[in-house]
Amino acid sequence: MMLKVNKFNLVKYLYFLIFFSLLLGFSSCSSSKNIRNLNVQQVIETAQSYRGTPYRYGGTTRSGIDCSALVYHSFASVGVTLPRTSADQSKIGKRISRNHLREGDVIFFATAKRGKKVTHAGIVTSTRGKGVSFIHASTSLGVTEDNINTDYWSKAYLFARRVF
């Protein structure tokens, strides 16, 4: 038995396939944006749950934590495994210019007096209002949020990376 195909039905079928493909493409974009937003919020909430934790060089717990461990644990909360040190973390993800920072981006600083080597890291928590806020483990204040536009952080800023 031979299947009879007329041009009209074939054209309708092709239009249906094209429409369906476009629909899937658009919904997956929206879906991936929603997943990114949920992940970013979880990363920030995890980091903020450490607020007030004292700084401890090499520390990885709530009794004492350093900046890279804060970044490490925050991203681990959404299943993203980063290296343990800020210098190694600074090699992961897409490099982002300062004027394109978004919540969840990891920012890197040179806080030592010598050179421009990465010595500190934080996570952008807000880009609204008066500049960019970020959370980090400060040697003097423990886990806290600061504004990148202060004199100290602005001068120490090196670059940012987007992990998601």
C-alpha atoms as a PDB file:
ATOM      1  CA  MET A   1       0.000   0.000   0.000  1.00  0.00           C
ATOM      2  CA  MET A   2       1.368   3.388  -0.937  1.00  0.00           C
ATOM      3  CA  LEU A   3       0.990   6.417   1.326  1.00  0.00           C
ATOM      4  CA  LYS A   4      -0.468   9.364  -0.463  1.00  0.00           C
ATOM      5  CA  VAL A   5       1.078  12.722   0.561  1.00  0.00           C
ATOM      6  CA  ASN A   6      -0.319  15.933  -0.738  1.00  0.00           C
ATOM      7  CA  LYS A   7       1.660  19.164  -0.768  1.00  0.00           C
ATOM      8  CA  PHE A   8      -0.789  20.988   1.460  1.00  0.00           C
ATOM      9  CA  ASN A   9      -0.458  18.471   4.322  1.00  0.00           C
ATOM     10  CA  LEU A  10       3.327  18.391   3.956  1.00  0.00           C
ATOM     11  CA  VAL A  11       3.536  22.193   4.201  1.00  0.00           C
ATOM     12  CA  LYS A  12       1.243  22.205   7.269  1.00  0.00           C
ATOM     13  CA  TYR A  13       3.446  19.560   8.880  1.00  0.00           C
ATOM     14  CA  LEU A  14       6.627  21.547   8.175  1.00  0.00           C
ATOM     15  CA  TYR A  15       5.087  24.726   9.606  1.00  0.00           C
ATOM     16  CA  PHE A  16       4.075  22.779  12.705  1.00  0.00           C
ATOM     17  CA  LEU A  17       7.631  21.455  13.136  1.00  0.00           C
ATOM     18  CA  ILE A  18       9.126  24.915  12.761  1.00  0.00           C
ATOM     19  CA  PHE A  19       6.649  26.441  15.229  1.00  0.00           C
ATOM     20  CA  PHE A  20       7.192  23.647  17.752  1.00  0.00           C
ATOM     21  CA  SER A  21      10.995  23.958  17.464  1.00  0.00           C
ATOM     22  CA  LEU A  22      10.829  27.705  18.039  1.00  0.00           C
ATOM     23  CA  LEU A  23       8.515  27.228  20.991  1.00  0.00           C
ATOM     24  CA  LEU A  24      10.899  24.740  22.576  1.00  0.00           C
ATOM     25  CA  GLY A  25      13.862  27.002  21.927  1.00  0.00           C
ATOM     26  CA  PHE A  26      12.248  30.006  23.591  1.00  0.00           C
ATOM     27  CA  SER A  27      10.971  28.080  26.563  1.00  0.00           C
ATOM     28  CA  SER A  28      14.384  26.540  27.242  1.00  0.00           C
ATOM     29  CA  CYS A  29      15.966  30.016  27.212  1.00  0.00           C
ATOM     30  CA  SER A  30      13.443  31.262  29.714  1.00  0.00           C
ATOM     31  CA  SER A  31      13.804  28.094  31.740  1.00  0.00           C
ATOM     32  CA  SER A  32      17.611  28.354  31.866  1.00  0.00           C
ATOM     33  CA  LYS A  33      17.335  32.013  32.966  1.00  0.00           C
ATOM     34  CA  ASN A  34      14.976  30.980  35.756  1.00  0.00           C
ATOM     35  CA  ILE A  35      17.361  28.236  36.852  1.00  0.00           C
ATOM     36  CA  ARG A  36      20.265  30.716  36.848  1.00  0.00           C
ATOM     37  CA  ASN A  37      18.227  33.193  38.917  1.00  0.00           C
ATOM     38  CA  LEU A  38      17.240  30.515  41.428  1.00  0.00           C
ATOM     39  CA  ASN A  39      20.853  29.342  41.683  1.00  0.00           C
ATOM     40  CA  VAL A  40      22.148  32.897  42.116  1.00  0.00           C
ATOM     41  CA  GLN A  41      19.639  33.551  44.896  1.00  0.00           C
ATOM     42  CA  GLN A  42      20.632  30.300  46.640  1.00  0.00           C
ATOM     43  CA  VAL A  43      24.346  31.189  46.386  1.00  0.00           C
ATOM     44  CA  ILE A  44      23.705  34.646  47.874  1.00  0.00           C
ATOM     45  CA  GLU A  45      21.436  33.307  50.623  1.00  0.00           C
ATOM     46  CA  THR A  46      24.036  30.707  51.570  1.00  0.00           C
ATOM     47  CA  ALA A  47      26.761  33.350  51.742  1.00  0.00           C
ATOM     48  CA  GLN A  48      24.509  35.638  53.803  1.00  0.00           C
ATOM     49  CA  SER A  49      23.771  32.799  56.225  1.00  0.00           C
ATOM     50  CA  TYR A  50      27.460  33.069  57.233  1.00  0.00           C
ATOM     51  CA  ARG A  51      27.071  36.783  58.133  1.00  0.00           C
ATOM     52  CA  GLY A  52      28.848  37.458  61.424  1.00  0.00           C
ATOM     53  CA  THR A  53      31.050  34.356  61.189  1.00  0.00           C
ATOM     54  CA  PRO A  54      34.567  35.356  62.292  1.00  0.00           C
ATOM     55  CA  TYR A  55      37.432  35.356  59.824  1.00  0.00           C
ATOM     56  CA  ARG A  56      39.975  32.582  60.156  1.00  0.00           C
ATOM     57  CA  TYR A  57      42.781  32.101  57.630  1.00  0.00           C
ATOM     58  CA  GLY A  58      42.259  28.666  56.086  1.00  0.00           C
ATOM     59  CA  GLY A  59      38.961  28.348  57.965  1.00  0.00           C
ATOM     60  CA  THR A  60      36.121  26.463  56.339  1.00  0.00           C
ATOM     61  CA  THR A  61      33.413  26.301  59.024  1.00  0.00           C
ATOM     62  CA  ARG A  62      30.913  28.535  60.782  1.00  0.00           C
ATOM     63  CA  SER A  63      33.309  28.867  63.695  1.00  0.00           C
ATOM     64  CA  GLY A  64      35.800  30.595  61.361  1.00  0.00           C
ATOM     65  CA  ILE A  65      36.001  31.018  57.595  1.00  0.00           C
ATOM     66  CA  ASP A  66      38.174  32.745  55.006  1.00  0.00           C
ATOM     67  CA  CYS A  67      37.015  34.496  51.828  1.00  0.00           C
ATOM     68  CA  SER A  68      37.631  31.623  49.413  1.00  0.00           C
ATOM     69  CA  ALA A  69      35.853  29.100  51.653  1.00  0.00           C
ATOM     70  CA  LEU A  70      32.828  31.421  51.754  1.00  0.00           C
ATOM     71  CA  VAL A  71      32.763  31.475  47.940  1.00  0.00           C
ATOM     72  CA  TYR A  72      33.427  27.717  47.811  1.00  0.00           C
ATOM     73  CA  HIS A  73      30.570  26.781  50.206  1.00  0.00           C
ATOM     74  CA  SER A  74      28.122  29.248  48.653  1.00  0.00           C
ATOM     75  CA  PHE A  75      28.517  27.783  45.168  1.00  0.00           C
ATOM     76  CA  ALA A  76      28.594  24.220  46.519  1.00  0.00           C
ATOM     77  CA  SER A  77      25.041  24.860  47.806  1.00  0.00           C
ATOM     78  CA  VAL A  78      23.863  24.679  44.174  1.00  0.00           C
ATOM     79  CA  GLY A  79      26.150  21.839  43.154  1.00  0.00           C
ATOM     80  CA  VAL A  80      28.966  23.928  41.656  1.00  0.00           C
ATOM     81  CA  THR A  81      32.402  22.805  42.811  1.00  0.00           C
ATOM     82  CA  LEU A  82      35.000  25.561  42.721  1.00  0.00           C
ATOM     83  CA  PRO A  83      38.666  25.378  43.665  1.00  0.00           C
ATOM     84  CA  ARG A  84      39.437  26.109  47.312  1.00  0.00           C
ATOM     85  CA  THR A  85      41.697  29.185  46.952  1.00  0.00           C
ATOM     86  CA  SER A  86      40.722  32.603  45.624  1.00  0.00           C
ATOM     87  CA  ALA A  87      43.680  32.580  43.206  1.00  0.00           C
ATOM     88  CA  ASP A  88      42.431  29.318  41.671  1.00  0.00           C
ATOM     89  CA  GLN A  89      38.785  30.455  41.775  1.00  0.00           C
ATOM     90  CA  SER A  90      39.807  33.508  39.746  1.00  0.00           C
ATOM     91  CA  LYS A  91      40.437  31.252  36.737  1.00  0.00           C
ATOM     92  CA  ILE A  92      36.905  29.788  36.608  1.00  0.00           C
ATOM     93  CA  GLY A  93      34.006  31.221  34.584  1.00  0.00           C
ATOM     94  CA  LYS A  94      33.662  34.033  32.098  1.00  0.00           C
ATOM     95  CA  ARG A  95      35.516  37.263  32.773  1.00  0.00           C
ATOM     96  CA  ILE A  96      33.114  40.192  33.269  1.00  0.00           C
ATOM     97  CA  SER A  97      33.847  43.888  33.075  1.00  0.00           C
ATOM     98  CA  ARG A  98      33.148  45.966  36.168  1.00  0.00           C
ATOM     99  CA  ASN A  99      30.291  47.876  34.545  1.00  0.00           C
ATOM    100  CA  HIS A 100      28.487  44.597  33.666  1.00  0.00           C
ATOM    101  CA  LEU A 101      28.491  43.042  37.147  1.00  0.00           C
ATOM    102  CA  ARG A 102      25.387  41.080  38.188  1.00  0.00           C
ATOM    103  CA  GLU A 103      24.277  39.383  41.369  1.00  0.00           C
ATOM    104  CA  GLY A 104      26.161  36.128  41.865  1.00  0.00           C
ATOM    105  CA  ASP A 105      29.324  37.224  40.048  1.00  0.00           C
ATOM    106  CA  VAL A 106      32.555  36.511  41.901  1.00  0.00           C
ATOM    107  CA  ILE A 107      34.823  39.522  42.306  1.00  0.00           C
ATOM    108  CA  PHE A 108      38.545  39.433  42.996  1.00  0.00           C
ATOM    109  CA  PHE A 109      40.868  41.845  44.735  1.00  0.00           C
ATOM    110  CA  ALA A 110      44.548  42.431  45.370  1.00  0.00           C
ATOM    111  CA  THR A 111      44.639  43.404  49.052  1.00  0.00           C
ATOM    112  CA  ALA A 112      48.345  42.805  49.616  1.00  0.00           C
ATOM    113  CA  LYS A 113      50.677  45.764  49.285  1.00  0.00           C
ATOM    114  CA  ARG A 114      52.769  44.008  46.656  1.00  0.00           C
ATOM    115  CA  GLY A 115      51.566  43.534  43.123  1.00  0.00           C
ATOM    116  CA  LYS A 116      48.282  42.741  41.480  1.00  0.00           C
ATOM    117  CA  LYS A 117      47.906  39.112  42.541  1.00  0.00           C
ATOM    118  CA  VAL A 118      44.503  37.817  43.613  1.00  0.00           C
ATOM    119  CA  THR A 119      44.411  37.686  47.403  1.00  0.00           C
ATOM    120  CA  HIS A 120      40.714  38.172  48.173  1.00  0.00           C
ATOM    121  CA  ALA A 121      37.294  37.220  46.760  1.00  0.00           C
ATOM    122  CA  GLY A 122      33.651  38.046  47.306  1.00  0.00           C
ATOM    123  CA  ILE A 123      30.224  37.491  45.751  1.00  0.00           C
ATOM    124  CA  VAL A 124      28.122  40.316  44.297  1.00  0.00           C
ATOM    125  CA  THR A 125      24.855  40.539  46.258  1.00  0.00           C
ATOM    126  CA  SER A 126      23.287  43.647  44.707  1.00  0.00           C
ATOM    127  CA  THR A 127      23.812  45.978  41.774  1.00  0.00           C
ATOM    128  CA  ARG A 128      20.929  48.308  42.618  1.00  0.00           C
ATOM    129  CA  GLY A 129      20.969  51.625  44.343  1.00  0.00           C
ATOM    130  CA  LYS A 130      24.330  53.073  45.297  1.00  0.00           C
ATOM    131  CA  GLY A 131      26.688  50.853  43.376  1.00  0.00           C
ATOM    132  CA  VAL A 132      27.643  47.247  43.813  1.00  0.00           C
ATOM    133  CA  SER A 133      27.429  45.398  47.127  1.00  0.00           C
ATOM    134  CA  PHE A 134      29.318  42.201  47.780  1.00  0.00           C
ATOM    135  CA  ILE A 135      29.675  39.701  50.607  1.00  0.00           C
ATOM    136  CA  HIS A 136      33.072  38.479  51.737  1.00  0.00           C
ATOM    137  CA  ALA A 137      35.029  37.324  54.766  1.00  0.00           C
ATOM    138  CA  SER A 138      36.849  40.389  56.065  1.00  0.00           C
ATOM    139  CA  THR A 139      39.918  39.840  58.240  1.00  0.00           C
ATOM    140  CA  SER A 140      38.720  42.485  60.705  1.00  0.00           C
ATOM    141  CA  LEU A 141      34.897  42.106  60.598  1.00  0.00           C
ATOM    142  CA  GLY A 142      34.310  38.489  59.594  1.00  0.00           C
ATOM    143  CA  VAL A 143      31.645  37.775  56.988  1.00  0.00           C
ATOM    144  CA  THR A 144      30.114  41.100  56.031  1.00  0.00           C
ATOM    145  CA  GLU A 145      28.765  43.051  53.067  1.00  0.00           C
ATOM    146  CA  ASP A 146      30.511  46.083  51.627  1.00  0.00           C
ATOM    147  CA  ASN A 147      30.205  48.444  48.693  1.00  0.00           C
ATOM    148  CA  ILE A 148      32.759  48.054  45.930  1.00  0.00           C
ATOM    149  CA  ASN A 149      32.795  51.837  45.399  1.00  0.00           C
ATOM    150  CA  THR A 150      34.537  52.678  48.674  1.00  0.00           C
ATOM    151  CA  ASP A 151      38.084  53.968  48.267  1.00  0.00           C
ATOM    152  CA  TYR A 152      39.667  50.807  49.681  1.00  0.00           C
ATOM    153  CA  TRP A 153      37.729  48.246  47.627  1.00  0.00           C
ATOM    154  CA  SER A 154      37.723  50.338  44.469  1.00  0.00           C
ATOM    155  CA  LYS A 155      41.541  50.532  44.501  1.00  0.00           C
ATOM    156  CA  ALA A 156      41.951  46.834  45.379  1.00  0.00           C
ATOM    157  CA  TYR A 157      39.486  45.603  42.708  1.00  0.00           C
ATOM    158  CA  LEU A 158      41.049  43.460  39.958  1.00  0.00           C
ATOM    159  CA  PHE A 159      38.278  41.763  37.941  1.00  0.00           C
ATOM    160  CA  ALA A 160      35.146  39.601  38.122  1.00  0.00           C
ATOM    161  CA  ARG A 161      34.013  36.240  36.799  1.00  0.00           C
ATOM    162  CA  ARG A 162      30.558  34.859  36.092  1.00  0.00           C
ATOM    163  CA  VAL A 163      30.381  31.193  37.069  1.00  0.00           C
ATOM    164  CA  PHE A 164      26.787  30.608  35.823  1.00  0.00           C
END
